[in-house]
Amino acid sequence: MLLSISTSHQPATDLGFLLVKHPDHVHEVGLPFGSARVFYPEASEARCTAVLMLSIDPVGLVRGRGEAEGSLAQYVNDRPYVASSFLSVAMKRVFSTAMAGTSKGRQDVADMAIPLEAEIPVIRCRGGEAIAREWFEPLGYAVEVERLPMDPRFPQDGDSPYVRLRLSGVLRLRELLTHLYVLLPALDGDKHYFVGQDEIDKLLEKGGAWLSAHPQRETIVGRYLRRHRPLVKAALARLLDADEEGVEEQEVRREAAEEAIERPLSLNEKRMDAVVAALRELGARRVVDLGCGEGRLLGLLLKDRQFERLLGIDVSLRSLEYAAERLHLDRLPPMQRERVTLAHGALTYRDRRVEGFDVACAIEVIEHMDAPRLPAFERALFGFARPPAVVITTPNSEHNVRFANLPAGKFRHPDHRFEWSRAEFHAWCEAVAQRNGYAVRYAPIGDDDPEVGPPTQMAIFTRDAA
């Protein structure tokens, strides 16, 4: 059973620091069901690969279990060769420091998104190759799935239930390891040990940071917990409650701050009017509102027959409930109701539901993201979804001095991670446009102060014809 992890980040041998395993040595760890070895088939400045090889003792697995004598299946099966829960246990034991995201020698690299590749030569993928893509692509990976033949010597026997899985992406090593820890046994669909309440703790510990907003969340949790209904229900409740409490607190703080600071300028109304005007000018008919909140923009677009299909995505289920109430979805005429959809999701994951729209909007959204997550947002939106046009608005930090009730150096909203000047926003937009084949132009929202600019800045990206 093998797992290989490679990087082209230079110097690539930093991978040894991140995994706490020196490339010049073979590292061996004893496990209750066998042994694990880590070695490096290549280790240069340009590229480094670490391989975790797991050797399972099939006799040791059943010794002392009291199994029926003479059952050959106890000893002859696919468990020693196929990536499964055994591999997850080994990863936790061998790469515990890397999974925690700590590195004594290279903490700056451990905190950095770097190019990473992972390959699992053999895994049972119950549900077919599409499941692997649906689970890993939203996390930002390029996914290659190769169905393995039953026996290459006898093609008439057809394909086996196993696949070779290759993943590549730019992310932190701890993210790759926790994704694999949760998803590999779920893909395999089985576990070699009893699944109890403690499995929920393991799932939340390793997956809580990303699983709550994954579009396949329920399926993953169900497969990870072997479809044990009480456990699945408890896990989803804890996963969503923890996520929702924080989100709801942020929403309450944001609304209070907006009321105190921006309401005197009627800035939200001006912002919505400017965005709707931009969408009309772009000729949009299908619009996705990323981070739709309580549905203010969707409500305006729903009143305009130009907009035929509307999708609102938000990480907060409660915000989506408020949006449904604001839009009166339960009382809309059937034809109106068919025009608008609300969906739960996170903006930093690839989500095929947002593909196929004319314009994607992110209105006062990016400033609520941690700066290290912006590349994932860019990749998901501009790299994967690739709408013909994107509209983004964000506060102009230079204008903050004009708010008499905003203390110097403070952000407008307590949950803002940053607020950019016009130059900072333009620099980010220009880089995003250049990397992804878009052109970008800018428009002020609110009174354009000759010294400090408008209170809100808007960027309109349009994809190059080529």
Protein backbone atom coordinates (compact mmCIF):
# COMPACT_ATOMS: atom_id res chain seq x y z
CA MET A 1 0.00 0.00 0.00
CA LEU A 2 1.63 3.21 -1.17
CA LEU A 3 1.14 6.97 -0.96
CA SER A 4 3.56 9.32 -2.68
CA ILE A 5 3.73 13.07 -2.06
CA SER A 6 5.80 15.32 -4.33
CA THR A 7 6.58 19.01 -4.59
CA SER A 8 8.39 21.27 -7.03
CA HIS A 9 8.57 24.11 -4.50
CA GLN A 10 12.19 25.15 -4.35
CA PRO A 11 14.19 24.05 -2.57
CA ALA A 12 12.04 20.96 -2.92
CA THR A 13 13.98 19.20 -0.17
CA ASP A 14 12.06 21.38 2.29
CA LEU A 15 9.54 18.55 2.08
CA GLY A 16 11.79 16.65 4.46
CA PHE A 17 11.47 19.41 7.05
CA LEU A 18 7.69 19.54 6.62
CA LEU A 19 7.28 15.78 7.03
CA VAL A 20 9.98 15.61 9.74
CA LYS A 21 11.60 12.80 7.80
CA HIS A 22 15.12 13.33 6.43
CA PRO A 23 15.44 12.46 2.72
CA ASP A 24 18.75 10.63 3.26
CA HIS A 25 17.24 8.01 5.54
CA VAL A 26 14.58 5.31 5.49
CA HIS A 27 12.21 5.80 8.42
CA GLU A 28 10.33 2.81 9.84
CA VAL A 29 7.48 2.81 12.37
CA GLY A 30 5.82 -0.25 13.88
CA LEU A 31 2.02 -0.41 13.80
CA PRO A 32 -0.47 -2.85 15.38
CA PHE A 33 -1.25 -4.28 11.94
CA GLY A 34 2.18 -4.13 10.30
CA SER A 35 4.82 -1.52 9.64
CA ALA A 36 5.18 1.81 7.81
CA ARG A 37 8.27 3.05 6.00
CA VAL A 38 8.98 6.49 4.59
CA PHE A 39 11.65 6.89 1.92
CA TYR A 40 12.53 9.35 -0.84
CA PRO A 41 13.00 7.97 -4.38
CA GLU A 42 13.99 11.50 -5.50
CA ALA A 43 15.26 14.45 -3.50
CA SER A 44 16.75 17.38 -5.40
CA GLU A 45 16.44 21.13 -5.25
CA ALA A 46 13.98 21.01 -8.17
CA ARG A 47 11.75 18.14 -7.10
CA CYS A 48 11.29 15.93 -4.07
CA THR A 49 9.08 12.89 -3.53
CA ALA A 50 8.31 11.11 -0.28
CA VAL A 51 6.70 7.67 -0.28
CA LEU A 52 4.79 6.15 2.60
CA MET A 53 4.83 2.36 2.16
CA LEU A 54 2.55 0.38 4.44
CA SER A 55 3.15 -3.33 4.91
CA ILE A 56 0.21 -5.16 6.49
CA ASP A 57 0.45 -8.50 8.24
CA PRO A 58 -2.77 -10.33 7.22
CA VAL A 59 -2.20 -13.06 9.81
CA GLY A 60 -1.72 -10.50 12.56
CA LEU A 61 -4.99 -8.85 11.62
CA VAL A 62 -7.10 -11.88 12.51
CA ARG A 63 -4.96 -13.47 15.22
CA GLY A 64 -6.95 -13.77 18.43
CA ARG A 65 -10.27 -12.69 16.91
CA GLY A 66 -11.88 -16.09 17.15
CA GLU A 67 -12.78 -16.17 13.44
CA ALA A 68 -14.13 -19.38 11.98
CA GLU A 69 -11.25 -21.68 11.19
CA GLY A 70 -10.59 -22.38 7.56
CA SER A 71 -11.94 -19.07 6.26
CA LEU A 72 -9.43 -18.21 3.56
CA ALA A 73 -10.90 -14.70 3.13
CA GLN A 74 -9.38 -13.79 6.49
CA TYR A 75 -5.93 -14.02 4.94
CA VAL A 76 -6.44 -13.50 1.21
CA ASN A 77 -8.09 -10.16 0.46
CA ASP A 78 -7.30 -6.70 -0.90
CA ARG A 79 -6.56 -5.02 2.43
CA PRO A 80 -2.74 -5.22 2.24
CA TYR A 81 -2.69 -3.53 -1.17
CA VAL A 82 -5.54 -1.01 -1.36
CA ALA A 83 -5.51 2.45 0.23
CA SER A 84 -7.98 2.40 3.10
CA SER A 85 -8.42 3.25 6.76
CA PHE A 86 -5.13 1.45 7.42
CA LEU A 87 -3.37 4.16 5.43
CA SER A 88 -5.16 6.93 7.36
CA VAL A 89 -4.05 5.43 10.67
CA ALA A 90 -0.49 5.18 9.38
CA MET A 91 -0.54 8.79 8.15
CA LYS A 92 -1.69 10.02 11.55
CA ARG A 93 1.07 8.07 13.27
CA VAL A 94 3.90 8.85 10.85
CA PHE A 95 2.99 12.40 9.76
CA SER A 96 1.35 13.74 12.94
CA THR A 97 3.54 16.84 13.12
CA ALA A 98 2.97 17.66 9.44
CA MET A 99 -0.78 17.14 9.83
CA ALA A 100 -0.74 19.65 12.69
CA GLY A 101 0.94 22.17 10.40
CA THR A 102 4.06 22.67 12.50
CA SER A 103 7.69 22.59 11.42
CA LYS A 104 10.65 23.59 13.59
CA GLY A 105 12.89 24.22 10.63
CA ARG A 106 10.48 25.55 7.99
CA GLN A 107 7.37 26.99 9.66
CA ASP A 108 7.14 29.67 6.97
CA VAL A 109 6.88 26.93 4.33
CA ALA A 110 4.41 24.93 6.43
CA ASP A 111 2.15 28.00 6.46
CA MET A 112 2.55 28.53 2.72
CA ALA A 113 0.51 27.17 -0.16
CA ILE A 114 3.00 25.26 -2.34
CA PRO A 115 2.64 23.03 -5.41
CA LEU A 116 1.91 19.50 -4.21
CA GLU A 117 1.11 16.22 -5.91
CA ALA A 118 -0.17 13.02 -4.38
CA GLU A 119 -0.58 9.61 -5.96
CA ILE A 120 -2.37 6.56 -4.61
CA PRO A 121 -1.62 3.65 -6.97
CA VAL A 122 -4.57 1.50 -5.88
CA ILE A 123 -7.79 2.49 -4.16
CA ARG A 124 -11.26 1.04 -4.24
CA CYS A 125 -13.52 3.87 -5.35
CA ARG A 126 -17.07 2.84 -4.58
CA GLY A 127 -19.46 4.78 -6.75
CA GLY A 128 -17.05 5.14 -9.66
CA GLU A 129 -14.46 7.63 -10.78
CA ALA A 130 -16.93 10.52 -10.63
CA ILE A 131 -17.02 10.30 -6.83
CA ALA A 132 -13.29 11.01 -6.58
CA ARG A 133 -13.67 14.08 -8.79
CA GLU A 134 -16.72 15.34 -6.91
CA TRP A 135 -14.90 15.05 -3.60
CA PHE A 136 -11.44 16.38 -4.46
CA GLU A 137 -12.11 18.99 -7.17
CA PRO A 138 -14.08 21.31 -4.83
CA LEU A 139 -10.95 21.42 -2.66
CA GLY A 140 -8.98 22.87 -5.56
CA TYR A 141 -7.25 19.79 -6.93
CA ALA A 142 -6.69 18.76 -10.50
CA VAL A 143 -7.81 15.12 -10.41
CA GLU A 144 -6.72 12.20 -12.58
CA VAL A 145 -8.52 8.90 -12.11
CA GLU A 146 -7.37 5.81 -14.01
CA ARG A 147 -9.51 2.69 -13.86
CA LEU A 148 -7.29 -0.39 -13.38
CA PRO A 149 -7.95 -3.55 -15.41
CA MET A 150 -8.83 -6.78 -13.64
CA ASP A 151 -5.81 -8.42 -15.29
CA PRO A 152 -3.83 -6.75 -18.12
CA ARG A 153 -3.14 -10.18 -19.57
CA PHE A 154 -6.85 -10.87 -20.01
CA PRO A 155 -8.57 -7.69 -21.27
CA GLN A 156 -11.78 -9.63 -21.79
CA ASP A 157 -12.17 -9.69 -17.99
CA GLY A 158 -12.80 -5.94 -18.06
CA ASP A 159 -11.99 -3.36 -15.39
CA SER A 160 -11.51 -3.97 -11.70
CA PRO A 161 -13.25 -1.94 -8.96
CA TYR A 162 -9.92 -0.22 -8.28
CA VAL A 163 -8.43 3.03 -9.60
CA ARG A 164 -5.16 4.91 -9.58
CA LEU A 165 -5.71 8.40 -8.13
CA ARG A 166 -3.47 11.39 -8.84
CA LEU A 167 -4.03 14.81 -7.26
CA SER A 168 -2.24 18.08 -7.85
CA GLY A 169 -2.81 21.56 -6.47
CA VAL A 170 -1.32 24.54 -4.69
CA LEU A 171 -2.09 24.29 -0.99
CA ARG A 172 -0.58 23.76 2.45
CA LEU A 173 0.82 20.32 3.17
CA ARG A 174 -1.37 19.96 6.28
CA GLU A 175 -4.43 20.54 4.10
CA LEU A 176 -3.41 17.78 1.69
CA LEU A 177 -2.80 15.36 4.54
CA THR A 178 -6.09 16.06 6.31
CA HIS A 179 -8.01 15.80 3.04
CA LEU A 180 -6.47 12.39 2.40
CA TYR A 181 -6.98 11.27 6.00
CA VAL A 182 -10.73 11.84 5.77
CA LEU A 183 -11.48 11.09 2.13
CA LEU A 184 -9.43 7.95 1.40
CA PRO A 185 -11.27 5.65 3.85
CA ALA A 186 -14.56 7.23 2.80
CA LEU A 187 -13.82 6.44 -0.86
CA ASP A 188 -12.91 2.88 0.10
CA GLY A 189 -16.18 2.67 2.01
CA ASP A 190 -14.94 0.46 4.83
CA LYS A 191 -12.90 0.60 8.03
CA HIS A 192 -10.81 -2.02 9.73
CA TYR A 193 -11.93 -1.05 13.23
CA PHE A 194 -15.12 -0.42 15.16
CA VAL A 195 -16.73 2.94 14.36
CA GLY A 196 -18.00 4.68 17.48
CA GLN A 197 -18.48 8.12 18.96
CA ASP A 198 -14.74 8.80 18.97
CA GLU A 199 -14.79 8.71 15.15
CA ILE A 200 -16.85 11.90 15.18
CA ASP A 201 -14.09 13.63 17.13
CA LYS A 202 -11.49 12.42 14.63
CA LEU A 203 -13.61 13.62 11.73
CA LEU A 204 -14.13 17.09 13.20
CA GLU A 205 -10.50 17.38 14.23
CA LYS A 206 -9.22 16.67 10.73
CA GLY A 207 -12.13 17.86 8.58
CA GLY A 208 -13.86 20.58 10.56
CA ALA A 209 -11.94 23.39 8.86
CA TRP A 210 -13.11 22.48 5.36
CA LEU A 211 -15.82 19.85 5.46
CA SER A 212 -18.73 21.97 6.72
CA ALA A 213 -19.00 23.87 3.44
CA HIS A 214 -18.06 21.03 1.08
CA PRO A 215 -20.87 20.45 -1.48
CA GLN A 216 -20.62 16.66 -0.87
CA ARG A 217 -20.51 17.03 2.92
CA GLU A 218 -23.39 14.65 3.75
CA THR A 219 -22.10 11.88 1.47
CA ILE A 220 -18.56 12.13 2.82
CA VAL A 221 -19.68 12.07 6.45
CA GLY A 222 -21.99 9.13 5.76
CA ARG A 223 -19.27 7.08 4.08
CA TYR A 224 -16.64 8.01 6.69
CA LEU A 225 -18.93 6.78 9.48
CA ARG A 226 -20.03 3.70 7.51
CA ARG A 227 -23.59 5.06 7.22
CA HIS A 228 -24.22 4.56 10.93
CA ARG A 229 -27.26 6.84 11.10
CA PRO A 230 -27.04 8.03 14.72
CA LEU A 231 -23.34 8.84 14.28
CA VAL A 232 -23.88 10.58 10.94
CA LYS A 233 -26.68 12.69 12.38
CA ALA A 234 -24.59 13.64 15.42
CA ALA A 235 -21.55 14.48 13.29
CA LEU A 236 -23.50 16.72 10.91
CA ALA A 237 -25.17 18.46 13.84
CA ARG A 238 -21.83 19.22 15.47
CA LEU A 239 -20.21 20.15 12.17
CA LEU A 240 -22.93 22.60 11.16
CA ASP A 241 -23.65 24.01 14.62
CA ALA A 242 -20.01 24.89 15.16
CA ASP A 243 -19.84 26.49 11.74
CA GLU A 244 -23.16 28.30 12.02
CA GLU A 245 -22.52 29.80 15.45
CA GLY A 246 -19.42 31.57 14.20
CA VAL A 247 -21.06 32.64 10.95
CA GLU A 248 -24.15 33.97 12.69
CA GLU A 249 -22.04 35.98 15.14
CA GLN A 250 -20.19 37.51 12.20
CA GLU A 251 -23.45 38.36 10.45
CA VAL A 252 -24.85 40.09 13.54
CA ARG A 253 -21.68 42.11 14.04
CA ARG A 254 -21.55 43.02 10.37
CA GLU A 255 -25.12 44.27 10.29
CA ALA A 256 -24.63 46.36 13.43
CA ALA A 257 -21.43 47.88 12.08
CA GLU A 258 -23.00 48.66 8.72
CA GLU A 259 -25.95 50.34 10.42
CA ALA A 260 -23.66 52.55 12.48
CA ILE A 261 -21.14 53.51 9.80
CA GLU A 262 -22.55 53.19 6.29
CA ARG A 263 -26.27 53.77 6.76
CA PRO A 264 -26.03 57.60 6.81
CA LEU A 265 -24.60 57.43 3.27
CA SER A 266 -27.22 54.94 2.04
CA LEU A 267 -24.14 53.13 0.80
CA ASN A 268 -25.70 49.69 0.57
CA GLU A 269 -28.48 50.99 -1.67
CA LYS A 270 -25.94 52.75 -3.89
CA ARG A 271 -23.85 49.61 -4.00
CA MET A 272 -26.77 47.42 -5.05
CA ASP A 273 -27.88 49.94 -7.70
CA ALA A 274 -24.34 50.11 -9.12
CA VAL A 275 -24.03 46.34 -9.31
CA VAL A 276 -27.43 45.90 -10.97
CA ALA A 277 -26.51 48.60 -13.50
CA ALA A 278 -23.23 46.81 -14.25
CA LEU A 279 -25.03 43.50 -14.74
CA ARG A 280 -27.49 45.12 -17.14
CA GLU A 281 -24.64 46.70 -19.07
CA LEU A 282 -22.92 43.31 -19.34
CA GLY A 283 -26.10 41.84 -20.79
CA ALA A 284 -26.21 39.16 -18.12
CA ARG A 285 -29.11 36.73 -18.04
CA ARG A 286 -27.68 34.10 -15.70
CA VAL A 287 -26.11 35.46 -12.49
CA VAL A 288 -24.56 33.71 -9.49
CA ASP A 289 -24.23 35.75 -6.30
CA LEU A 290 -21.29 34.40 -4.29
CA GLY A 291 -21.75 35.15 -0.61
CA CYS A 292 -25.35 36.18 -1.20
CA GLY A 293 -26.10 36.70 2.50
CA GLU A 294 -29.74 37.59 3.06
CA GLY A 295 -30.47 37.94 -0.66
CA ARG A 296 -30.59 41.72 -1.13
CA LEU A 297 -29.03 41.62 -4.60
CA LEU A 298 -31.05 38.56 -5.62
CA GLY A 299 -34.25 40.37 -4.62
CA LEU A 300 -33.46 43.26 -6.96
CA LEU A 301 -32.50 40.96 -9.83
CA LEU A 302 -35.65 38.89 -9.38
CA LYS A 303 -37.72 41.99 -10.14
CA ASP A 304 -36.00 42.45 -13.51
CA ARG A 305 -37.08 40.08 -16.29
CA GLN A 306 -33.68 40.42 -17.97
CA PHE A 307 -32.25 38.03 -15.38
CA GLU A 308 -33.57 34.58 -16.21
CA ARG A 309 -31.56 32.38 -13.86
CA LEU A 310 -30.26 33.35 -10.41
CA LEU A 311 -28.18 31.35 -7.93
CA GLY A 312 -27.21 32.48 -4.44
CA ILE A 313 -24.35 30.69 -2.64
CA ASP A 314 -23.50 31.28 1.01
CA VAL A 315 -21.60 29.46 3.76
CA SER A 316 -24.27 30.33 6.33
CA LEU A 317 -27.40 28.19 6.34
CA ARG A 318 -29.15 30.75 8.53
CA SER A 319 -28.39 33.51 6.04
CA LEU A 320 -29.88 31.34 3.32
CA GLU A 321 -32.99 30.88 5.45
CA TYR A 322 -33.27 34.66 5.84
CA ALA A 323 -32.76 35.04 2.08
CA ALA A 324 -35.58 32.57 1.40
CA GLU A 325 -37.85 34.61 3.67
CA ARG A 326 -36.80 37.93 2.10
CA LEU A 327 -37.44 36.56 -1.39
CA HIS A 328 -40.75 34.93 -0.33
CA LEU A 329 -39.69 31.76 -2.09
CA ASP A 330 -42.58 29.77 -0.64
CA ARG A 331 -45.09 32.20 -2.14
CA LEU A 332 -43.58 32.97 -5.53
CA PRO A 333 -45.50 31.97 -8.66
CA PRO A 334 -44.04 28.80 -10.22
CA MET A 335 -42.33 30.59 -13.12
CA GLN A 336 -40.74 33.12 -10.75
CA ARG A 337 -39.70 30.39 -8.34
CA GLU A 338 -37.90 28.48 -11.09
CA ARG A 339 -35.68 31.49 -11.76
CA VAL A 340 -33.92 31.53 -8.37
CA THR A 341 -32.01 28.91 -6.37
CA LEU A 342 -30.28 29.16 -3.00
CA ALA A 343 -27.45 26.78 -2.15
CA HIS A 344 -25.03 26.18 0.70
CA GLY A 345 -21.35 26.29 -0.18
CA ALA A 346 -17.99 27.93 0.35
CA LEU A 347 -16.31 30.19 -2.18
CA THR A 348 -12.83 28.73 -1.82
CA TYR A 349 -13.84 25.29 -3.13
CA ARG A 350 -14.48 24.29 -6.71
CA ASP A 351 -18.24 23.95 -7.11
CA ARG A 352 -19.70 22.84 -10.43
CA ARG A 353 -23.02 24.43 -9.48
CA VAL A 354 -21.55 27.90 -10.15
CA GLU A 355 -20.39 27.00 -13.66
CA GLY A 356 -22.35 28.08 -16.73
CA PHE A 357 -23.37 31.57 -15.54
CA ASP A 358 -22.87 34.78 -17.51
CA VAL A 359 -21.67 36.77 -14.50
CA ALA A 360 -20.48 35.93 -10.99
CA CYS A 361 -20.79 38.57 -8.26
CA ALA A 362 -18.86 38.78 -5.00
CA ILE A 363 -20.28 41.87 -3.31
CA GLU A 364 -18.45 42.93 -0.13
CA VAL A 365 -17.15 39.40 0.26
CA ILE A 366 -13.38 39.15 -0.24
CA GLU A 367 -12.57 41.32 2.78
CA HIS A 368 -14.19 38.66 4.98
CA MET A 369 -11.66 36.05 3.81
CA ASP A 370 -8.29 35.43 5.40
CA ALA A 371 -5.70 36.68 2.92
CA PRO A 372 -4.11 33.20 2.52
CA ARG A 373 -7.48 31.90 1.26
CA LEU A 374 -7.67 34.41 -1.61
CA PRO A 375 -5.64 32.19 -3.98
CA ALA A 376 -8.15 29.37 -3.39
CA PHE A 377 -11.02 31.79 -4.10
CA GLU A 378 -9.27 32.94 -7.27
CA ARG A 379 -8.66 29.37 -8.39
CA ALA A 380 -12.24 28.28 -7.73
CA LEU A 381 -13.82 31.28 -9.48
CA PHE A 382 -11.43 32.41 -12.20
CA GLY A 383 -9.62 29.12 -12.77
CA PHE A 384 -12.45 26.58 -12.62
CA ALA A 385 -15.84 28.32 -12.98
CA ARG A 386 -14.47 30.89 -15.48
CA PRO A 387 -17.63 32.95 -16.10
CA PRO A 388 -17.47 35.47 -18.97
CA ALA A 389 -17.63 38.29 -16.41
CA VAL A 390 -17.05 38.81 -12.68
CA VAL A 391 -18.13 41.77 -10.53
CA ILE A 392 -16.36 42.32 -7.22
CA THR A 393 -16.84 45.14 -4.71
CA THR A 394 -14.88 45.87 -1.55
CA PRO A 395 -14.42 48.84 0.82
CA ASN A 396 -11.88 51.53 -0.05
CA SER A 397 -9.78 51.88 3.11
CA GLU A 398 -8.61 55.37 2.10
CA HIS A 399 -12.17 56.64 2.52
CA ASN A 400 -12.36 55.48 6.14
CA VAL A 401 -11.05 58.83 7.37
CA ARG A 402 -14.33 60.38 6.20
CA PHE A 403 -16.37 58.30 8.66
CA ALA A 404 -16.53 60.41 11.80
CA ASN A 405 -17.70 57.51 13.98
CA LEU A 406 -14.94 55.11 12.84
CA PRO A 407 -11.81 55.18 15.06
CA ALA A 408 -8.54 55.67 13.22
CA GLY A 409 -6.97 52.40 12.10
CA LYS A 410 -10.14 50.36 12.64
CA PHE A 411 -11.97 48.36 9.99
CA ARG A 412 -15.57 49.20 9.17
CA HIS A 413 -16.78 45.73 10.20
CA PRO A 414 -15.40 43.64 13.08
CA ASP A 415 -15.08 40.52 10.94
CA HIS A 416 -13.12 42.13 8.10
CA ARG A 417 -9.74 40.46 7.64
CA PHE A 418 -8.40 43.39 5.63
CA GLU A 419 -9.50 46.57 3.88
CA TRP A 420 -7.60 47.64 0.78
CA SER A 421 -6.65 50.99 -0.63
CA ARG A 422 -7.40 51.63 -4.29
CA ALA A 423 -3.80 50.79 -5.22
CA GLU A 424 -3.89 47.51 -3.27
CA PHE A 425 -7.21 46.47 -4.80
CA HIS A 426 -6.04 47.37 -8.30
CA ALA A 427 -2.79 45.43 -7.83
CA TRP A 428 -4.67 42.29 -6.76
CA CYS A 429 -7.21 42.63 -9.59
CA GLU A 430 -4.57 43.19 -12.24
CA ALA A 431 -2.63 40.12 -11.09
CA VAL A 432 -5.79 37.96 -11.04
CA ALA A 433 -6.78 39.18 -14.50
CA GLN A 434 -3.34 38.52 -15.95
CA ARG A 435 -3.07 35.03 -14.47
CA ASN A 436 -6.49 33.94 -15.71
CA GLY A 437 -6.97 35.66 -19.06
CA TYR A 438 -9.33 38.48 -18.07
CA ALA A 439 -9.41 42.23 -18.61
CA VAL A 440 -10.48 44.44 -15.70
CA ARG A 441 -11.91 47.92 -15.30
CA TYR A 442 -12.95 49.86 -12.22
CA ALA A 443 -15.88 52.00 -11.13
CA PRO A 444 -16.51 54.05 -7.98
CA ILE A 445 -19.53 53.45 -5.76
CA GLY A 446 -20.72 56.40 -3.68
CA ASP A 447 -19.38 59.93 -3.80
CA ASP A 448 -15.92 59.91 -5.40
CA ASP A 449 -13.95 62.09 -3.00
CA PRO A 450 -11.16 63.90 -4.89
CA GLU A 451 -8.66 63.12 -2.13
CA VAL A 452 -9.54 59.70 -0.77
CA GLY A 453 -11.75 58.24 -3.48
CA PRO A 454 -15.18 56.58 -3.14
CA PRO A 455 -16.29 54.61 -0.06
CA THR A 456 -16.64 51.43 -2.13
CA GLN A 457 -14.61 50.28 -5.13
CA MET A 458 -15.88 47.97 -7.84
CA ALA A 459 -13.93 45.85 -10.32
CA ILE A 460 -15.54 44.39 -13.44
CA PHE A 461 -13.62 41.51 -15.00
CA THR A 462 -14.37 40.36 -18.54
CA ARG A 463 -12.82 37.26 -20.04
CA ASP A 464 -10.61 37.76 -23.06
CA ALA A 465 -12.20 36.53 -26.29
CA ALA A 466 -9.21 34.26 -26.93
